[in-house]
Amino acid sequence: MPDAAWLDRICPLPPLPDALPRVVSREQARALGYSRRAIEHRLATGRWRIVLPRVYLTVDTLTEVDRWVAALLFAGPGAALSGAAALRASEVGGIPPPDRILVLVPPPNRTGSAGWVQVRRTFRPIQLVQWHGPARVQVARAAADLALGLSSLDDVRAIVAKVVQQGHCSVADLGAELSAGPRNNSAFLRLALEEVGWGAESAPEARAARLLRRAGITGFTANAWIRLLDGTWRRVDFYWPRLRAALEMDGKQWHLGPESWEKSLIRDVELGKVGIHGVHLPPSVLRNESRFVTDIREWLAGREADLRRGLGDHLGDDHTPLWLPAS
């Protein structure tokens, strides 16, 4: 059964009439009938405490949800969470709580950053998640904003992997945010998206097939199905039957986390059990077309050499390369 904390987070009960909120702004407190002197007395006696300028905590413990509420109250009209806080509020798994909460506000709002709240004015429309929880931007924008503040390409790759592989948004959604957002500090996000096929004139598999055929590298079956020992079937992007070699362009399933990498290794082992050698390449290799063609040609030649050493004259007696169609 779901625990009470989880239910309170995704479907909070409305407060009782006239109940004092856990987090309250000065204006809210005054509207509830607390005078300036009454507010100061509660702060002085420790019944309330200041968590941000003009924002007070009226209970003992400041929770993560309280921090979200406080940040929005402090930022003022039109404010919405973005970055890591918005991702966590949207139930994206694997996102650690941020030290600073990013809040976007429209241009008329002139509130500046303070304490653990970073306020950023944006001229782009702020489209909110139309669901439960605090006011926040949609996942693709929150992820893009978080990526812009990261200093490691691997960390940006991990964010892209989490939001896409968990089904919260698509690579195209992130690409649209990258195109519409600020250019400063966007290099890592652009590279991470290009690595998984964003911005190509067609799908990575189609581009790779055109390059291979244009270079005279044939003899493969595209989107081939291979039967494994346990009776299941595995689809590979390119399969050379005479070489028992498989190539996959990992545009949809790229390996940024340990679980994904482990699954990839297990799939390769299953191919190896039926005598097929598989390799994986990211779509980013297609940026250098000549290098891609050279690498594939040399990989296939190496695979052919291994087979000829093992099978002698029983394979390829006409000396035709085994990655070309049999004559």
Protein backbone atom coordinates (compact mmCIF):
# COMPACT_ATOMS: atom_id res chain seq x y z
CA MET A 1 0.00 0.00 0.00
CA PRO A 2 1.22 3.55 -0.67
CA ASP A 3 2.44 5.31 2.44
CA ALA A 4 0.84 8.45 3.81
CA ALA A 5 3.77 10.69 2.88
CA TRP A 6 3.51 9.62 -0.77
CA LEU A 7 -0.26 10.26 -0.80
CA ASP A 8 0.19 13.65 0.84
CA ARG A 9 2.74 14.52 -1.82
CA ILE A 10 0.74 13.59 -4.92
CA CYS A 11 -2.75 14.35 -3.61
CA PRO A 12 -2.59 16.74 -0.65
CA LEU A 13 -5.75 17.29 1.32
CA PRO A 14 -7.09 20.85 1.28
CA PRO A 15 -6.48 22.74 4.52
CA LEU A 16 -9.29 23.11 6.98
CA PRO A 17 -11.12 26.43 6.88
CA ASP A 18 -9.06 29.13 8.61
CA ALA A 19 -6.23 26.64 9.22
CA LEU A 20 -2.74 28.13 9.31
CA PRO A 21 -0.57 26.80 6.43
CA ARG A 22 2.73 25.13 7.24
CA VAL A 23 4.49 27.81 5.19
CA VAL A 24 3.04 31.28 4.99
CA SER A 25 4.07 34.59 3.50
CA ARG A 26 3.81 37.84 5.42
CA GLU A 27 0.93 38.94 3.21
CA GLN A 28 -0.92 35.67 3.81
CA ALA A 29 -0.44 35.93 7.55
CA ARG A 30 -1.80 39.45 7.59
CA ALA A 31 -4.78 38.32 5.51
CA LEU A 32 -5.43 35.59 8.09
CA GLY A 33 -5.66 38.24 10.80
CA TYR A 34 -2.13 38.25 12.24
CA SER A 35 -0.91 41.75 13.00
CA ARG A 36 2.68 42.81 12.46
CA ARG A 37 3.23 42.62 16.21
CA ALA A 38 1.70 39.13 16.43
CA ILE A 39 3.97 37.93 13.64
CA GLU A 40 7.05 39.39 15.33
CA HIS A 41 6.05 37.80 18.64
CA ARG A 42 5.75 34.35 17.09
CA LEU A 43 9.14 34.75 15.43
CA ALA A 44 10.75 35.97 18.64
CA THR A 45 9.37 33.09 20.70
CA GLY A 46 10.35 30.46 18.11
CA ARG A 47 6.80 29.39 17.28
CA TRP A 48 7.48 30.54 13.73
CA ARG A 49 10.80 30.91 11.97
CA ILE A 50 11.98 32.73 8.89
CA VAL A 51 12.91 30.43 6.00
CA LEU A 52 13.16 33.14 3.33
CA PRO A 53 12.62 36.89 3.35
CA ARG A 54 8.93 37.52 4.17
CA VAL A 55 8.23 33.75 4.30
CA TYR A 56 7.73 31.85 7.57
CA LEU A 57 7.55 28.24 8.69
CA THR A 58 4.78 27.71 11.25
CA VAL A 59 5.68 24.11 12.21
CA ASP A 60 8.81 22.41 13.53
CA THR A 61 10.13 20.62 10.41
CA LEU A 62 10.83 22.07 6.96
CA THR A 63 10.07 19.34 4.42
CA GLU A 64 10.99 19.27 0.74
CA VAL A 65 7.44 20.19 -0.23
CA ASP A 66 7.61 23.08 2.26
CA ARG A 67 10.74 24.31 0.49
CA TRP A 68 8.92 24.26 -2.87
CA VAL A 69 6.00 26.20 -1.41
CA ALA A 70 8.32 28.69 0.30
CA ALA A 71 10.30 29.28 -2.90
CA LEU A 72 7.12 30.00 -4.85
CA LEU A 73 5.75 32.32 -2.16
CA PHE A 74 9.02 34.21 -2.03
CA ALA A 75 9.31 34.55 -5.82
CA GLY A 76 5.81 35.97 -6.09
CA PRO A 77 3.29 36.31 -8.95
CA GLY A 78 3.67 34.01 -11.94
CA ALA A 79 6.45 31.95 -10.35
CA ALA A 80 7.03 28.30 -11.30
CA LEU A 81 9.58 25.71 -10.21
CA SER A 82 12.12 24.51 -12.76
CA GLY A 83 15.32 22.45 -12.73
CA ALA A 84 15.78 19.64 -10.24
CA ALA A 85 12.92 20.73 -7.95
CA ALA A 86 10.42 20.61 -10.82
CA LEU A 87 11.71 17.20 -11.92
CA ARG A 88 11.33 15.80 -8.41
CA ALA A 89 7.84 17.32 -8.12
CA SER A 90 6.98 15.55 -11.40
CA GLU A 91 8.15 12.20 -9.96
CA VAL A 92 11.27 11.82 -12.15
CA GLY A 93 13.30 9.13 -10.43
CA GLY A 94 16.97 9.42 -9.54
CA ILE A 95 17.11 13.22 -9.20
CA PRO A 96 18.77 14.28 -5.92
CA PRO A 97 17.29 17.20 -3.96
CA PRO A 98 18.96 20.42 -5.08
CA ASP A 99 20.81 22.73 -2.72
CA ARG A 100 19.26 25.70 -4.55
CA ILE A 101 15.76 25.74 -5.99
CA LEU A 102 15.36 27.33 -9.43
CA VAL A 103 12.22 29.43 -9.89
CA LEU A 104 11.20 31.07 -13.17
CA VAL A 105 9.22 34.31 -13.14
CA PRO A 106 7.76 36.48 -15.93
CA PRO A 107 9.42 39.83 -16.77
CA PRO A 108 7.08 42.04 -14.69
CA ASN A 109 8.19 40.17 -11.58
CA ARG A 110 11.39 41.82 -10.31
CA THR A 111 12.09 39.57 -7.34
CA GLY A 112 15.79 38.78 -6.95
CA SER A 113 17.44 35.60 -5.74
CA ALA A 114 17.93 35.02 -2.02
CA GLY A 115 19.23 32.25 0.19
CA TRP A 116 18.58 28.86 -1.38
CA VAL A 117 16.25 30.20 -4.07
CA GLN A 118 17.53 31.21 -7.51
CA VAL A 119 15.02 33.43 -9.29
CA ARG A 120 15.38 33.72 -13.07
CA ARG A 121 13.29 36.02 -15.24
CA THR A 122 12.28 34.57 -18.58
CA PHE A 123 10.61 36.16 -21.60
CA ARG A 124 9.40 32.77 -22.82
CA PRO A 125 5.86 31.80 -21.81
CA ILE A 126 5.85 29.66 -18.67
CA GLN A 127 3.73 26.60 -19.46
CA LEU A 128 2.78 24.81 -16.27
CA VAL A 129 2.18 21.14 -15.60
CA GLN A 130 -1.60 20.81 -15.48
CA TRP A 131 -1.68 18.24 -12.72
CA HIS A 132 -1.27 17.97 -8.98
CA GLY A 133 1.51 19.55 -6.97
CA PRO A 134 3.29 22.90 -6.94
CA ALA A 135 3.36 25.26 -9.92
CA ARG A 136 6.14 23.99 -12.14
CA VAL A 137 7.23 23.90 -15.76
CA GLN A 138 6.94 20.80 -17.90
CA VAL A 139 9.59 18.10 -17.60
CA ALA A 140 11.47 18.86 -20.84
CA ARG A 141 11.98 22.49 -19.86
CA ALA A 142 12.92 21.61 -16.29
CA ALA A 143 15.47 19.08 -17.54
CA ALA A 144 16.94 21.58 -20.02
CA ASP A 145 17.22 24.23 -17.31
CA LEU A 146 18.93 21.76 -15.00
CA ALA A 147 21.35 20.70 -17.74
CA LEU A 148 22.35 24.32 -18.41
CA GLY A 149 23.66 24.56 -14.87
CA LEU A 150 25.72 21.36 -14.87
CA SER A 151 29.47 21.33 -15.45
CA SER A 152 29.87 17.67 -16.47
CA LEU A 153 28.84 16.09 -19.76
CA ASP A 154 28.22 12.78 -17.99
CA ASP A 155 25.81 14.48 -15.57
CA VAL A 156 23.90 16.01 -18.51
CA ARG A 157 23.77 12.63 -20.25
CA ALA A 158 22.34 11.12 -17.07
CA ILE A 159 19.56 13.75 -16.91
CA VAL A 160 18.65 13.13 -20.56
CA ALA A 161 18.59 9.38 -19.92
CA LYS A 162 16.38 9.65 -16.83
CA VAL A 163 13.64 11.83 -18.29
CA VAL A 164 13.50 10.01 -21.65
CA GLN A 165 13.90 6.41 -20.49
CA GLN A 166 11.32 6.93 -17.73
CA GLY A 167 8.86 8.19 -20.34
CA HIS A 168 8.46 11.75 -19.05
CA CYS A 169 9.39 13.38 -22.37
CA SER A 170 11.04 12.62 -25.71
CA VAL A 171 14.41 13.51 -27.20
CA ALA A 172 12.50 15.77 -29.61
CA ASP A 173 10.91 17.60 -26.64
CA LEU A 174 14.35 18.25 -25.17
CA GLY A 175 15.63 19.37 -28.58
CA ALA A 176 12.79 21.87 -28.84
CA GLU A 177 13.69 23.27 -25.42
CA LEU A 178 17.34 23.50 -26.40
CA SER A 179 16.44 25.41 -29.57
CA ALA A 180 14.10 27.80 -27.75
CA GLY A 181 16.22 28.32 -24.64
CA PRO A 182 19.39 30.27 -23.89
CA ARG A 183 22.57 29.39 -25.79
CA ASN A 184 24.93 30.08 -22.88
CA ASN A 185 26.14 26.85 -21.24
CA SER A 186 24.09 24.73 -23.68
CA ALA A 187 27.01 22.89 -25.32
CA PHE A 188 26.78 19.78 -23.11
CA LEU A 189 23.05 19.44 -23.64
CA ARG A 190 23.43 19.82 -27.39
CA LEU A 191 26.16 17.17 -27.48
CA ALA A 192 24.16 14.77 -25.29
CA LEU A 193 21.15 15.09 -27.59
CA GLU A 194 23.21 14.72 -30.76
CA GLU A 195 24.69 11.52 -29.34
CA VAL A 196 21.22 9.97 -29.28
CA GLY A 197 20.22 11.09 -32.75
CA TRP A 198 18.61 14.49 -32.25
CA GLY A 199 18.98 16.90 -35.16
CA ALA A 200 19.75 14.30 -37.84
CA GLU A 201 18.01 14.59 -41.19
CA SER A 202 16.64 11.07 -40.65
CA ALA A 203 16.81 8.24 -38.17
CA PRO A 204 20.39 7.12 -37.37
CA GLU A 205 19.72 3.65 -38.78
CA ALA A 206 18.58 5.07 -42.12
CA ARG A 207 21.59 7.37 -42.34
CA ALA A 208 23.96 4.53 -41.53
CA ALA A 209 22.36 2.28 -44.18
CA ARG A 210 22.78 4.96 -46.86
CA LEU A 211 26.43 5.48 -45.95
CA LEU A 212 27.18 1.76 -46.01
CA ARG A 213 25.54 1.17 -49.38
CA ARG A 214 27.17 4.24 -50.88
CA ALA A 215 30.56 2.90 -49.77
CA GLY A 216 29.87 -0.52 -51.30
CA ILE A 217 29.49 -2.24 -47.94
CA THR A 218 26.55 -4.55 -48.54
CA GLY A 219 25.55 -8.09 -47.71
CA PHE A 220 23.61 -7.01 -44.63
CA THR A 221 19.97 -7.31 -43.65
CA ALA A 222 18.45 -4.26 -42.01
CA ASN A 223 16.15 -4.74 -39.00
CA ALA A 224 16.95 -8.43 -38.87
CA TRP A 225 15.33 -10.75 -36.33
CA ILE A 226 17.58 -13.32 -34.66
CA ARG A 227 16.31 -16.28 -32.69
CA LEU A 228 18.11 -16.80 -29.37
CA LEU A 229 18.73 -20.06 -27.52
CA ASP A 230 15.77 -19.56 -25.19
CA GLY A 231 13.41 -19.27 -28.16
CA THR A 232 12.94 -15.51 -27.96
CA TRP A 233 13.73 -13.13 -30.80
CA ARG A 234 16.04 -10.14 -30.86
CA ARG A 235 15.97 -7.43 -33.51
CA VAL A 236 19.27 -5.88 -34.62
CA ASP A 237 19.70 -2.86 -36.89
CA PHE A 238 22.18 -4.49 -39.31
CA TYR A 239 23.06 -8.17 -39.66
CA TRP A 240 25.70 -9.74 -41.94
CA PRO A 241 24.63 -13.43 -42.10
CA ARG A 242 27.83 -14.70 -43.76
CA LEU A 243 29.90 -13.06 -41.02
CA ARG A 244 27.40 -13.64 -38.20
CA ALA A 245 28.00 -10.02 -37.24
CA ALA A 246 25.46 -7.51 -35.92
CA LEU A 247 25.66 -3.73 -35.69
CA GLU A 248 23.29 -1.60 -33.64
CA MET A 249 22.93 2.18 -33.71
CA ASP A 250 21.86 2.96 -30.19
CA GLY A 251 19.71 6.01 -30.90
CA LYS A 252 16.85 4.84 -28.67
CA GLN A 253 18.53 2.68 -26.07
CA TRP A 254 21.80 4.33 -25.14
CA HIS A 255 23.71 3.30 -22.07
CA LEU A 256 24.11 6.08 -19.51
CA GLY A 257 23.29 4.21 -16.34
CA PRO A 258 24.51 0.94 -14.82
CA GLU A 259 21.18 -0.85 -15.32
CA SER A 260 21.00 0.02 -19.02
CA TRP A 261 24.63 -0.95 -19.53
CA GLU A 262 24.09 -4.27 -17.74
CA LYS A 263 21.09 -5.10 -19.94
CA SER A 264 23.14 -4.31 -23.05
CA LEU A 265 25.90 -6.66 -21.95
CA ILE A 266 23.41 -9.43 -21.26
CA ARG A 267 21.85 -9.00 -24.71
CA ASP A 268 25.31 -9.23 -26.30
CA VAL A 269 26.02 -12.42 -24.39
CA GLU A 270 22.76 -13.91 -25.68
CA LEU A 271 23.85 -13.10 -29.25
CA GLY A 272 27.25 -14.63 -28.58
CA LYS A 273 25.60 -17.89 -27.51
CA VAL A 274 24.29 -18.33 -31.05
CA GLY A 275 27.65 -17.38 -32.56
CA ILE A 276 26.92 -13.77 -33.45
CA HIS A 277 29.36 -10.96 -32.70
CA GLY A 278 27.58 -7.68 -31.93
CA VAL A 279 28.80 -4.12 -31.60
CA HIS A 280 27.03 -0.91 -30.58
CA LEU A 281 27.68 2.59 -31.91
CA PRO A 282 26.07 5.88 -30.89
CA PRO A 283 24.51 8.09 -33.60
CA SER A 284 27.20 10.70 -32.92
CA VAL A 285 29.68 8.63 -34.99
CA LEU A 286 27.72 9.58 -38.09
CA ARG A 287 28.96 13.16 -37.81
CA ASN A 288 32.24 11.94 -39.34
CA GLU A 289 30.94 9.90 -42.25
CA SER A 290 34.30 8.84 -43.67
CA ARG A 291 35.53 7.65 -40.27
CA PHE A 292 32.31 5.69 -39.75
CA VAL A 293 32.67 3.92 -43.09
CA THR A 294 36.36 3.15 -42.44
CA ASP A 295 35.65 1.77 -38.98
CA ILE A 296 32.86 -0.49 -40.21
CA ARG A 297 34.94 -1.72 -43.15
CA GLU A 298 37.86 -2.57 -40.85
CA TRP A 299 35.59 -4.20 -38.25
CA LEU A 300 34.03 -6.43 -40.90
CA ALA A 301 37.46 -7.29 -42.35
CA GLY A 302 38.64 -8.28 -38.87
CA ARG A 303 35.56 -10.41 -38.36
CA GLU A 304 36.17 -12.09 -41.72
CA ALA A 305 39.80 -12.79 -40.83
CA ASP A 306 38.71 -14.44 -37.58
CA LEU A 307 36.25 -16.66 -39.41
CA ARG A 308 38.75 -17.65 -42.11
CA ARG A 309 41.31 -18.62 -39.45
CA GLY A 310 38.70 -20.77 -37.77
CA LEU A 311 37.10 -22.38 -40.82
CA GLY A 312 39.94 -22.45 -43.34
CA ASP A 313 39.03 -23.09 -46.95
CA HIS A 314 35.43 -24.02 -46.21
CA LEU A 315 34.42 -20.37 -46.12
CA GLY A 316 34.74 -17.88 -48.95
CA ASP A 317 36.64 -20.07 -51.44
CA ASP A 318 36.19 -17.41 -54.14
CA HIS A 319 38.01 -14.87 -51.94
CA THR A 320 34.98 -12.56 -52.16
CA PRO A 321 34.78 -10.46 -49.00
CA LEU A 322 32.19 -12.04 -46.77
CA TRP A 323 30.47 -8.73 -46.10
CA LEU A 324 29.57 -8.50 -49.81
CA PRO A 325 26.75 -10.53 -51.39
CA ALA A 326 27.80 -13.98 -52.57
CA SER A 327 28.32 -14.07 -56.32
